[in-house]
Structures are given as C-alpha cells and as structure tokens.
C-alpha cells in the first residue's frame, strides 16, 4: 500500500524539449542585429567618411586658400601653423583661428573684396 500512496503524490518527471532550440533564439536576435546593421550604414559610416574628408581638408590647407569658418567668416589663409590658421578677413585685418573651425574650402577667386 505504501508504494501506491507514493505514486499518487509524486509524479514522474519527464524532460521537456525546448521548442525551436537554437533556431528560435537566433531568430529572436535577428531584428536587433538587423537594426545595428541599418544604424551602421545610415549613421556611423557616413559620419566616419565626413570626418576623414574634414581631416584631409585641414591637412591640405595652404597659404592663399579661401575658406569659410564655423562662425560663417569668409577669408583668405595667410599663414598655416600646426593647430592654428591666420586668416585675412578684410584688407589689413587678420584673425587667428583653430584649424578645426575651418568648415569649407572655397574655390579660388570666390572672395573678390579682399
């Protein structure tokens, strides 16, 4: 009689398999992986390209180049140092700015008034 009463209260434990296995867990991460791939191509890659172009432009600055600064000042480069550039903004008026403040390199002859 004791064996029968033990069987009533204790049921046999059977191993259950996970539905889907590793395929299910991979498919659940697929939208997150896809989102990171789209984020890379839409935001990170173009920003890295823009930074590379900006760095090469700053390294290529030379005397006589016409530039636009981040503040919107137009001028002609008169002197180039390691981190600074001297820019002539009017006849006899020169300002010293950081190279990082140069945003655009204009074609020669764009600024006529200097």
N, C-alpha and C. Protein backbone atom coordinates (compact mmCIF):
# COMPACT_ATOMS: atom_id res chain seq x y z
N UNK A 1 0.81 -1.19 0.00
CA UNK A 1 0.00 0.00 0.00
C UNK A 1 0.85 1.26 0.00
N UNK A 2 2.00 1.23 0.56
CA UNK A 2 2.84 2.40 0.60
C UNK A 2 3.33 2.82 -0.79
N UNK A 3 3.56 1.90 -1.64
CA UNK A 3 4.03 2.26 -2.97
C UNK A 3 2.94 2.97 -3.76
N UNK A 4 1.69 2.53 -3.53
CA UNK A 4 0.60 3.18 -4.26
C UNK A 4 0.41 4.62 -3.78
N UNK A 5 0.50 4.91 -2.51
CA UNK A 5 0.33 6.26 -1.98
C UNK A 5 1.49 7.17 -2.40
N UNK A 6 2.67 6.62 -2.53
CA UNK A 6 3.80 7.43 -3.01
C UNK A 6 3.60 7.84 -4.47
N UNK A 7 3.02 6.98 -5.25
CA UNK A 7 2.80 7.28 -6.66
C UNK A 7 1.73 8.34 -6.86
N UNK A 8 0.81 8.47 -5.95
CA UNK A 8 -0.25 9.46 -6.08
C UNK A 8 0.31 10.87 -5.90
N UNK A 9 1.21 11.04 -4.95
CA UNK A 9 1.70 12.37 -4.65
C UNK A 9 2.93 12.76 -5.48
N UNK A 10 3.67 11.80 -5.94
CA UNK A 10 4.86 12.11 -6.71
C UNK A 10 4.64 11.62 -8.14
N UNK A 11 4.67 12.55 -9.04
CA UNK A 11 4.50 12.16 -10.45
C UNK A 11 5.87 12.03 -11.09
N UNK A 12 5.91 11.29 -12.14
CA UNK A 12 7.17 11.10 -12.85
C UNK A 12 7.54 12.40 -13.59
N UNK A 13 8.81 12.77 -13.54
CA UNK A 13 9.29 13.97 -14.24
C UNK A 13 9.85 13.55 -15.59
N UNK A 14 9.35 14.16 -16.61
CA UNK A 14 9.84 13.88 -17.96
C UNK A 14 10.56 15.12 -18.49
N UNK A 15 11.64 14.90 -19.19
CA UNK A 15 12.40 16.02 -19.76
C UNK A 15 11.60 16.62 -20.91
N UNK A 16 11.52 17.92 -20.89
CA UNK A 16 10.81 18.60 -21.97
C UNK A 16 11.83 19.23 -22.91
N UNK A 17 11.54 19.19 -24.16
CA UNK A 17 12.44 19.81 -25.13
C UNK A 17 12.00 21.24 -25.36
N UNK A 18 12.96 22.09 -25.68
CA UNK A 18 12.68 23.49 -25.96
C UNK A 18 12.17 23.59 -27.39
N UNK A 19 11.06 24.26 -27.56
CA UNK A 19 10.50 24.42 -28.89
C UNK A 19 11.39 25.35 -29.71
N UNK A 20 11.90 24.89 -30.82
CA UNK A 20 12.71 25.73 -31.69
C UNK A 20 14.19 25.58 -31.46
N UNK A 21 14.63 25.29 -30.28
CA UNK A 21 16.04 25.10 -29.98
C UNK A 21 16.86 26.34 -30.23
N UNK A 22 18.02 26.17 -30.86
CA UNK A 22 18.89 27.31 -31.14
C UNK A 22 18.35 28.18 -32.26
N UNK A 23 17.58 27.63 -33.15
CA UNK A 23 16.99 28.42 -34.23
C UNK A 23 16.05 29.49 -33.69
N UNK A 24 15.30 29.17 -32.67
CA UNK A 24 14.38 30.12 -32.08
C UNK A 24 15.10 31.28 -31.41
N UNK A 25 16.20 31.00 -30.71
CA UNK A 25 16.94 32.07 -30.05
C UNK A 25 17.65 32.95 -31.08
N UNK A 26 18.14 32.37 -32.17
CA UNK A 26 18.78 33.16 -33.22
C UNK A 26 17.76 34.05 -33.92
N UNK A 27 16.60 33.54 -34.14
CA UNK A 27 15.56 34.32 -34.81
C UNK A 27 15.06 35.45 -33.92
N UNK A 28 15.16 35.30 -32.62
CA UNK A 28 14.73 36.38 -31.73
C UNK A 28 15.74 37.53 -31.72
N UNK A 29 17.02 37.24 -32.00
CA UNK A 29 18.05 38.28 -32.06
C UNK A 29 18.18 38.90 -33.45
N UNK A 30 17.57 38.32 -34.44
CA UNK A 30 17.68 38.82 -35.81
C UNK A 30 17.22 40.26 -35.97
N UNK A 31 16.08 40.71 -35.41
CA UNK A 31 15.70 42.12 -35.55
C UNK A 31 16.71 43.08 -34.92
N UNK A 32 17.31 42.70 -33.81
CA UNK A 32 18.30 43.56 -33.15
C UNK A 32 19.55 43.66 -34.01
N UNK A 33 19.99 42.54 -34.56
CA UNK A 33 21.16 42.53 -35.43
C UNK A 33 20.89 43.37 -36.67
N UNK A 34 19.72 43.22 -37.25
CA UNK A 34 19.34 43.99 -38.44
C UNK A 34 19.31 45.48 -38.13
N UNK A 35 18.83 45.85 -36.95
CA UNK A 35 18.78 47.25 -36.57
C UNK A 35 20.19 47.84 -36.46
N UNK A 36 21.15 47.11 -35.91
CA UNK A 36 22.52 47.59 -35.82
C UNK A 36 23.17 47.72 -37.20
N UNK A 37 22.87 46.83 -38.11
CA UNK A 37 23.41 46.92 -39.46
C UNK A 37 22.88 48.17 -40.16
N UNK A 38 21.60 48.43 -40.04
CA UNK A 38 21.00 49.63 -40.65
C UNK A 38 21.57 50.89 -40.00
N UNK A 39 21.72 50.89 -38.70
CA UNK A 39 22.30 52.02 -37.98
C UNK A 39 23.72 52.30 -38.46
N UNK A 40 24.49 51.26 -38.70
CA UNK A 40 25.87 51.44 -39.18
C UNK A 40 25.88 52.11 -40.54
N UNK A 41 25.07 51.63 -41.47
CA UNK A 41 25.10 52.16 -42.83
C UNK A 41 24.43 53.53 -42.95
N UNK A 42 23.49 53.86 -42.10
CA UNK A 42 22.81 55.15 -42.21
C UNK A 42 23.44 56.25 -41.37
N UNK A 43 24.13 55.91 -40.29
CA UNK A 43 24.65 56.95 -39.40
C UNK A 43 26.16 56.89 -39.20
N UNK A 44 26.67 55.76 -38.84
CA UNK A 44 28.07 55.67 -38.44
C UNK A 44 29.01 55.79 -39.64
N UNK A 45 28.75 55.06 -40.70
CA UNK A 45 29.64 55.07 -41.87
C UNK A 45 29.71 56.44 -42.54
N UNK A 46 28.58 57.13 -42.79
CA UNK A 46 28.69 58.47 -43.39
C UNK A 46 29.42 59.47 -42.48
N UNK A 47 29.24 59.36 -41.18
CA UNK A 47 29.92 60.26 -40.26
C UNK A 47 31.43 60.02 -40.29
N UNK A 48 31.86 58.77 -40.36
CA UNK A 48 33.29 58.47 -40.44
C UNK A 48 33.87 59.00 -41.75
N UNK A 49 33.11 58.89 -42.83
CA UNK A 49 33.57 59.41 -44.12
C UNK A 49 33.71 60.93 -44.07
N UNK A 50 32.74 61.61 -43.46
CA UNK A 50 32.79 63.07 -43.34
C UNK A 50 33.98 63.51 -42.49
N UNK A 51 34.26 62.79 -41.39
CA UNK A 51 35.41 63.12 -40.55
C UNK A 51 36.72 62.94 -41.30
N UNK A 52 36.80 61.90 -42.12
CA UNK A 52 38.00 61.65 -42.90
C UNK A 52 38.22 62.77 -43.92
N UNK A 53 37.16 63.22 -44.59
CA UNK A 53 37.26 64.32 -45.55
C UNK A 53 37.66 65.62 -44.85
N UNK A 54 37.10 65.89 -43.67
CA UNK A 54 37.42 67.10 -42.91
C UNK A 54 38.90 67.09 -42.51
N UNK A 55 39.39 65.95 -42.06
CA UNK A 55 40.79 65.85 -41.64
C UNK A 55 41.73 66.06 -42.81
N UNK A 56 41.42 65.48 -43.96
CA UNK A 56 42.29 65.65 -45.12
C UNK A 56 42.25 67.10 -45.62
N UNK A 57 41.09 67.77 -45.52
CA UNK A 57 40.99 69.17 -45.92
C UNK A 57 41.84 70.05 -45.00
N UNK A 58 41.79 69.79 -43.70
CA UNK A 58 42.58 70.59 -42.74
C UNK A 58 44.08 70.40 -42.97
N UNK A 59 44.49 69.18 -43.31
CA UNK A 59 45.90 68.92 -43.56
C UNK A 59 46.37 69.57 -44.86
N UNK A 60 45.45 69.76 -45.81
CA UNK A 60 45.81 70.31 -47.11
C UNK A 60 45.72 71.84 -47.17
N UNK A 61 45.35 72.49 -46.07
CA UNK A 61 45.26 73.96 -46.08
C UNK A 61 46.62 74.58 -46.41
N UNK A 62 46.59 75.59 -47.28
CA UNK A 62 47.83 76.26 -47.67
C UNK A 62 47.59 77.75 -47.78
N UNK A 63 48.64 78.50 -47.84
CA UNK A 63 48.56 79.95 -47.96
C UNK A 63 47.86 80.30 -49.28
N UNK A 64 46.90 81.22 -49.20
CA UNK A 64 46.15 81.64 -50.37
C UNK A 64 44.81 80.95 -50.54
N UNK A 65 44.54 79.90 -49.79
CA UNK A 65 43.25 79.22 -49.86
C UNK A 65 42.15 80.11 -49.30
N UNK A 66 40.98 80.04 -49.89
CA UNK A 66 39.83 80.79 -49.41
C UNK A 66 38.93 79.84 -48.64
N UNK A 67 38.53 80.23 -47.42
CA UNK A 67 37.83 79.33 -46.52
C UNK A 67 36.60 79.99 -45.91
N UNK A 68 35.76 79.15 -45.33
CA UNK A 68 34.64 79.58 -44.50
C UNK A 68 34.81 78.91 -43.15
N UNK A 69 34.67 79.68 -42.08
CA UNK A 69 34.82 79.12 -40.73
C UNK A 69 33.47 78.63 -40.21
N UNK A 70 33.51 78.00 -39.05
CA UNK A 70 32.28 77.51 -38.43
C UNK A 70 31.36 78.65 -38.03
N UNK A 71 31.93 79.83 -37.79
CA UNK A 71 31.14 81.01 -37.43
C UNK A 71 30.61 81.76 -38.64
N UNK A 72 30.97 81.30 -39.85
CA UNK A 72 30.47 81.93 -41.06
C UNK A 72 31.38 83.03 -41.60
N UNK A 73 32.57 83.14 -41.08
CA UNK A 73 33.52 84.15 -41.53
C UNK A 73 34.24 83.65 -42.78
N UNK A 74 34.25 84.49 -43.83
CA UNK A 74 34.97 84.16 -45.05
C UNK A 74 36.31 84.87 -45.02
N UNK A 75 37.34 84.21 -45.52
CA UNK A 75 38.64 84.84 -45.55
C UNK A 75 39.64 84.05 -46.36
N UNK A 76 40.83 84.65 -46.48
CA UNK A 76 41.93 84.04 -47.22
C UNK A 76 43.03 83.68 -46.24
N UNK A 77 43.54 82.46 -46.34
CA UNK A 77 44.59 81.98 -45.44
C UNK A 77 45.89 82.70 -45.77
N UNK A 78 46.52 83.27 -44.72
CA UNK A 78 47.80 83.94 -44.90
C UNK A 78 48.94 83.20 -44.23
N UNK A 79 48.63 82.38 -43.24
CA UNK A 79 49.67 81.63 -42.54
C UNK A 79 49.07 80.36 -41.96
N UNK A 80 49.79 79.25 -42.07
CA UNK A 80 49.32 77.97 -41.55
C UNK A 80 50.32 77.45 -40.54
N UNK A 81 49.84 77.14 -39.34
CA UNK A 81 50.67 76.53 -38.29
C UNK A 81 50.13 75.13 -38.02
N UNK A 82 50.64 74.48 -36.97
CA UNK A 82 50.20 73.11 -36.66
C UNK A 82 48.72 73.05 -36.32
N UNK A 83 48.27 73.89 -35.38
CA UNK A 83 46.89 73.83 -34.91
C UNK A 83 46.09 75.08 -35.26
N UNK A 84 46.78 76.14 -35.73
CA UNK A 84 46.11 77.41 -35.99
C UNK A 84 46.34 77.89 -37.41
N UNK A 85 45.42 78.73 -37.87
CA UNK A 85 45.49 79.31 -39.21
C UNK A 85 45.24 80.80 -39.06
N UNK A 86 46.06 81.62 -39.73
CA UNK A 86 45.83 83.06 -39.75
C UNK A 86 45.05 83.38 -41.03
N UNK A 87 43.92 84.06 -40.86
CA UNK A 87 43.02 84.33 -41.97
C UNK A 87 42.84 85.83 -42.13
N UNK A 88 42.98 86.30 -43.36
CA UNK A 88 42.73 87.71 -43.66
C UNK A 88 41.26 87.84 -44.03
N UNK A 89 40.50 88.60 -43.20
CA UNK A 89 39.06 88.75 -43.42
C UNK A 89 38.73 90.05 -44.14
N UNK A 90 39.64 91.03 -44.10
CA UNK A 90 39.50 92.30 -44.81
C UNK A 90 40.91 92.81 -45.07
N UNK A 91 41.04 93.85 -45.86
CA UNK A 91 42.37 94.40 -46.14
C UNK A 91 43.03 94.84 -44.85
N UNK A 92 44.15 94.22 -44.50
CA UNK A 92 44.89 94.58 -43.30
C UNK A 92 44.32 94.02 -42.01
N UNK A 93 43.25 93.23 -42.06
CA UNK A 93 42.64 92.66 -40.86
C UNK A 93 42.81 91.14 -40.89
N UNK A 94 43.56 90.64 -39.92
CA UNK A 94 43.80 89.20 -39.85
C UNK A 94 43.33 88.67 -38.50
N UNK A 95 42.81 87.46 -38.52
CA UNK A 95 42.40 86.78 -37.29
C UNK A 95 43.07 85.40 -37.26
N UNK A 96 43.34 84.94 -36.05
CA UNK A 96 43.93 83.61 -35.87
C UNK A 96 42.82 82.69 -35.38
N UNK A 97 42.62 81.59 -36.08
CA UNK A 97 41.57 80.62 -35.72
C UNK A 97 42.18 79.22 -35.65
N UNK A 98 41.45 78.33 -35.01
CA UNK A 98 41.87 76.94 -34.97
C UNK A 98 41.56 76.28 -36.31
N UNK A 99 42.37 75.31 -36.68
CA UNK A 99 42.13 74.58 -37.93
C UNK A 99 40.78 73.87 -37.90
N UNK A 100 40.38 73.43 -36.72
CA UNK A 100 39.12 72.70 -36.60
C UNK A 100 37.91 73.58 -36.89
N UNK A 101 38.09 74.91 -36.84
CA UNK A 101 36.99 75.83 -37.11
C UNK A 101 36.76 76.04 -38.60
N UNK A 102 37.66 75.56 -39.43
CA UNK A 102 37.50 75.67 -40.88
C UNK A 102 36.53 74.60 -41.33
N UNK A 103 35.42 75.02 -41.95
CA UNK A 103 34.41 74.06 -42.38
C UNK A 103 34.42 73.80 -43.87
N UNK A 104 34.73 74.84 -44.67
CA UNK A 104 34.64 74.69 -46.12
C UNK A 104 35.85 75.35 -46.79
N UNK A 105 36.36 74.69 -47.77
CA UNK A 105 37.42 75.24 -48.60
C UNK A 105 36.77 75.70 -49.91
N UNK A 106 36.81 77.01 -50.17
CA UNK A 106 36.15 77.58 -51.34
C UNK A 106 37.06 77.50 -52.56
N UNK A 107 36.48 77.52 -53.75
CA UNK A 107 37.30 77.58 -54.96
C UNK A 107 38.04 78.90 -55.04
N UNK A 108 39.19 78.90 -55.68
CA UNK A 108 39.99 80.13 -55.82
C UNK A 108 39.20 81.19 -56.56
N UNK A 109 39.30 82.43 -56.10
CA UNK A 109 38.62 83.54 -56.74
C UNK A 109 37.19 83.76 -56.29
N UNK A 110 36.73 83.03 -55.29
CA UNK A 110 35.36 83.18 -54.78
C UNK A 110 35.20 84.51 -54.04
N UNK A 111 36.18 84.86 -53.24
CA UNK A 111 36.14 86.10 -52.47
C UNK A 111 36.83 87.20 -53.28
N UNK A 112 36.07 88.18 -53.74
CA UNK A 112 36.62 89.24 -54.59
C UNK A 112 37.05 90.48 -53.82
N UNK A 113 36.45 90.75 -52.65
CA UNK A 113 36.67 92.02 -51.95
C UNK A 113 38.01 92.10 -51.24
N UNK A 114 38.72 91.02 -51.02
CA UNK A 114 39.98 91.09 -50.28
C UNK A 114 41.10 91.52 -51.16
